[in-house]
């Protein structure tokens, strides 16, 4: 039997309730094909797991942002929350999608990346301002809408919010990094 006080509270498939198993199987059947760390935590509460994974599938695979920009937003969020699991999972995806490795490293370390593409610069300014100040100025908003489009800006806020939920789950439940991965945000 699983320790009910363990972090993360992963439930072995053999010990899942019918509702937990249904949520698990729905996630596996979706575009992810597996139930990664934070989603495994959510299986403790199947209605949350089902709702959150549907939102996540949209944010990751169906938004108005191309993968290069959605992955950039995910990296920005993961770095803001110092969410090692999220960073380790999404860095290779972001690099394959076209995010510049030097820009990713600058984001990881808290430096300002040199982003030549206008859409990337607008996304970075919007995301960092929203995460840091909990608001977006009129100028930053207008720049983002001009560079990305209104629908993409709405999706950007959804991505930032969803990956904040992911990052908070990772941090609260101490979701471990994948085997052998180095912590990208070691404590000072």
Protein backbone atom coordinates (compact mmCIF):
# COMPACT_ATOMS: atom_id res chain seq x y z
CA UNK A 1 0.00 0.00 0.00
CA UNK A 2 1.24 3.48 -0.85
CA UNK A 3 2.22 5.85 1.97
CA UNK A 4 -0.61 8.46 2.03
CA UNK A 5 1.84 11.12 3.27
CA UNK A 6 4.53 10.57 0.61
CA UNK A 7 5.66 13.33 -1.71
CA UNK A 8 4.99 13.10 -4.55
CA UNK A 9 1.77 11.19 -3.90
CA UNK A 10 2.10 8.81 -6.85
CA UNK A 11 -0.43 6.02 -6.88
CA UNK A 12 0.64 2.75 -8.49
CA UNK A 13 -1.72 1.77 -11.29
CA UNK A 14 -2.64 -1.43 -9.42
CA UNK A 15 -3.85 0.68 -6.45
CA UNK A 16 -5.91 3.21 -8.43
CA UNK A 17 -9.64 3.56 -8.00
CA UNK A 18 -11.80 3.15 -11.08
CA UNK A 19 -12.02 6.95 -11.45
CA UNK A 20 -8.24 7.34 -11.11
CA UNK A 21 -7.66 4.58 -13.67
CA UNK A 22 -10.12 6.21 -16.10
CA UNK A 23 -8.30 9.56 -15.77
CA UNK A 24 -4.94 7.80 -16.18
CA UNK A 25 -6.12 5.98 -19.31
CA UNK A 26 -7.56 9.18 -20.81
CA UNK A 27 -4.22 10.96 -20.38
CA UNK A 28 -2.30 8.04 -21.90
CA UNK A 29 -4.71 7.94 -24.86
CA UNK A 30 -4.15 11.66 -25.55
CA UNK A 31 -1.29 13.40 -27.34
CA UNK A 32 1.12 12.94 -24.42
CA UNK A 33 0.98 9.14 -24.55
CA UNK A 34 2.10 8.93 -20.92
CA UNK A 35 1.34 10.38 -17.49
CA UNK A 36 4.35 12.53 -16.57
CA UNK A 37 5.23 13.65 -13.02
CA UNK A 38 2.78 16.46 -12.20
CA UNK A 39 -0.10 14.73 -13.99
CA UNK A 40 0.61 11.63 -11.89
CA UNK A 41 0.17 13.80 -8.81
CA UNK A 42 -3.20 15.03 -10.07
CA UNK A 43 -4.48 11.45 -10.35
CA UNK A 44 -5.08 11.62 -6.58
CA UNK A 45 -8.05 13.81 -7.60
CA UNK A 46 -9.45 12.45 -10.90
CA UNK A 47 -11.76 15.39 -11.74
CA UNK A 48 -8.81 17.78 -11.43
CA UNK A 49 -6.59 15.45 -13.47
CA UNK A 50 -9.16 15.20 -16.26
CA UNK A 51 -9.88 18.93 -16.43
CA UNK A 52 -6.25 20.01 -16.14
CA UNK A 53 -4.97 17.54 -18.71
CA UNK A 54 -7.57 18.75 -21.24
CA UNK A 55 -6.46 22.35 -20.67
CA UNK A 56 -2.83 21.28 -20.92
CA UNK A 57 -3.41 19.42 -24.16
CA UNK A 58 -4.94 22.57 -25.66
CA UNK A 59 -2.17 24.81 -24.33
CA UNK A 60 0.58 22.57 -25.61
CA UNK A 61 -0.88 21.21 -28.84
CA UNK A 62 -3.76 23.43 -29.94
CA UNK A 63 -3.07 27.08 -29.13
CA UNK A 64 -2.68 29.91 -31.62
CA UNK A 65 1.02 30.11 -30.77
CA UNK A 66 3.42 28.03 -32.86
CA UNK A 67 5.48 25.50 -30.86
CA UNK A 68 8.56 27.79 -30.87
CA UNK A 69 6.59 30.47 -29.01
CA UNK A 70 4.54 28.20 -26.74
CA UNK A 71 7.70 26.38 -25.67
CA UNK A 72 9.41 29.73 -25.05
CA UNK A 73 6.50 30.67 -22.79
CA UNK A 74 6.79 27.33 -20.97
CA UNK A 75 10.51 27.89 -20.37
CA UNK A 76 9.85 31.41 -19.07
CA UNK A 77 7.25 30.04 -16.66
CA UNK A 78 9.42 27.12 -15.54
CA UNK A 79 12.35 29.46 -14.89
CA UNK A 80 10.18 31.94 -13.01
CA UNK A 81 8.97 29.20 -10.65
CA UNK A 82 12.38 27.45 -10.63
CA UNK A 83 10.60 24.27 -11.60
CA UNK A 84 13.33 21.79 -12.42
CA UNK A 85 11.13 18.98 -13.71
CA UNK A 86 9.35 21.37 -16.09
CA UNK A 87 12.61 22.84 -17.36
CA UNK A 88 14.25 19.46 -17.92
CA UNK A 89 11.18 18.13 -19.74
CA UNK A 90 10.62 21.14 -22.00
CA UNK A 91 14.13 22.38 -22.81
CA UNK A 92 14.77 19.69 -25.47
CA UNK A 93 11.28 20.27 -26.91
CA UNK A 94 11.88 24.02 -27.02
CA UNK A 95 15.24 23.62 -28.73
CA UNK A 96 13.73 21.28 -31.36
CA UNK A 97 10.95 23.84 -31.90
CA UNK A 98 13.52 26.55 -32.69
CA UNK A 99 14.16 28.35 -29.40
CA UNK A 100 17.73 29.62 -29.42
CA UNK A 101 19.90 27.71 -26.90
CA UNK A 102 21.61 30.93 -25.73
CA UNK A 103 18.23 32.56 -25.13
CA UNK A 104 17.04 29.52 -23.17
CA UNK A 105 20.17 29.61 -21.02
CA UNK A 106 19.72 33.34 -20.36
CA UNK A 107 16.13 32.72 -19.29
CA UNK A 108 17.23 29.87 -17.00
CA UNK A 109 19.82 32.04 -15.27
CA UNK A 110 17.63 35.13 -15.00
CA UNK A 111 19.59 37.12 -17.57
CA UNK A 112 17.92 39.02 -20.39
CA UNK A 113 18.08 37.00 -23.60
CA UNK A 114 18.92 38.59 -26.92
CA UNK A 115 15.83 37.82 -28.99
CA UNK A 116 16.01 39.07 -32.56
CA UNK A 117 12.54 37.86 -33.57
CA UNK A 118 9.86 40.44 -32.80
CA UNK A 119 7.29 37.82 -31.78
CA UNK A 120 9.71 36.27 -29.29
CA UNK A 121 10.66 39.66 -27.82
CA UNK A 122 6.99 40.64 -27.45
CA UNK A 123 6.15 37.30 -25.83
CA UNK A 124 9.08 37.56 -23.41
CA UNK A 125 8.20 41.11 -22.37
CA UNK A 126 4.53 40.22 -21.86
CA UNK A 127 5.21 36.99 -19.96
CA UNK A 128 7.90 38.39 -17.70
CA UNK A 129 5.91 41.54 -16.90
CA UNK A 130 2.79 39.53 -16.07
CA UNK A 131 4.65 37.00 -13.94
CA UNK A 132 6.74 39.59 -12.09
CA UNK A 133 4.18 42.36 -11.56
CA UNK A 134 0.89 40.44 -11.91
CA UNK A 135 -0.19 43.03 -14.49
CA UNK A 136 0.63 44.08 -18.07
CA UNK A 137 1.04 47.70 -19.08
CA UNK A 138 -0.89 49.13 -22.02
CA UNK A 139 2.33 49.43 -24.02
CA UNK A 140 3.38 45.82 -23.39
CA UNK A 141 -0.13 44.59 -24.19
CA UNK A 142 -0.28 46.57 -27.44
CA UNK A 143 3.17 45.30 -28.46
CA UNK A 144 2.13 41.70 -27.82
CA UNK A 145 -1.15 42.02 -29.74
CA UNK A 146 0.66 43.67 -32.67
CA UNK A 147 3.33 40.96 -32.77
CA UNK A 148 1.27 37.89 -31.91
CA UNK A 149 -2.41 38.66 -32.49
CA UNK A 150 -5.22 38.93 -29.96
CA UNK A 151 -6.12 35.21 -29.93
CA UNK A 152 -2.48 34.24 -29.40
CA UNK A 153 -2.17 36.69 -26.49
CA UNK A 154 -5.21 35.13 -24.84
CA UNK A 155 -3.64 31.70 -25.40
CA UNK A 156 -0.34 33.00 -24.01
CA UNK A 157 -2.05 33.91 -20.74
CA UNK A 158 -3.60 30.43 -20.69
CA UNK A 159 -0.19 28.81 -21.23
CA UNK A 160 1.40 30.93 -18.50
CA UNK A 161 -1.43 30.01 -16.13
CA UNK A 162 -1.43 26.31 -16.96
CA UNK A 163 2.33 25.98 -16.62
CA UNK A 164 2.18 27.94 -13.37
CA UNK A 165 -0.22 25.25 -12.13
CA UNK A 166 2.21 22.60 -13.39
CA UNK A 167 5.16 24.34 -11.72
CA UNK A 168 3.34 24.79 -8.43
CA UNK A 169 2.41 21.10 -8.47
CA UNK A 170 6.02 20.14 -9.17
CA UNK A 171 7.34 22.37 -6.40
CA UNK A 172 4.68 21.61 -3.76
CA UNK A 173 4.90 17.86 -4.20
CA UNK A 174 8.64 17.73 -4.90
CA UNK A 175 8.23 15.93 -8.21
CA UNK A 176 11.66 14.44 -8.93
CA UNK A 177 13.68 15.06 -12.06
CA UNK A 178 13.94 12.28 -14.58
CA UNK A 179 16.65 9.69 -13.95
CA UNK A 180 20.08 11.29 -13.82
CA UNK A 181 19.01 14.80 -14.77
CA UNK A 182 20.87 17.64 -13.09
CA UNK A 183 18.78 20.25 -11.26
CA UNK A 184 18.75 23.35 -13.49
CA UNK A 185 17.88 25.53 -10.48
CA UNK A 186 20.07 24.36 -7.61
CA UNK A 187 19.67 26.20 -4.35
CA UNK A 188 22.37 28.84 -3.85
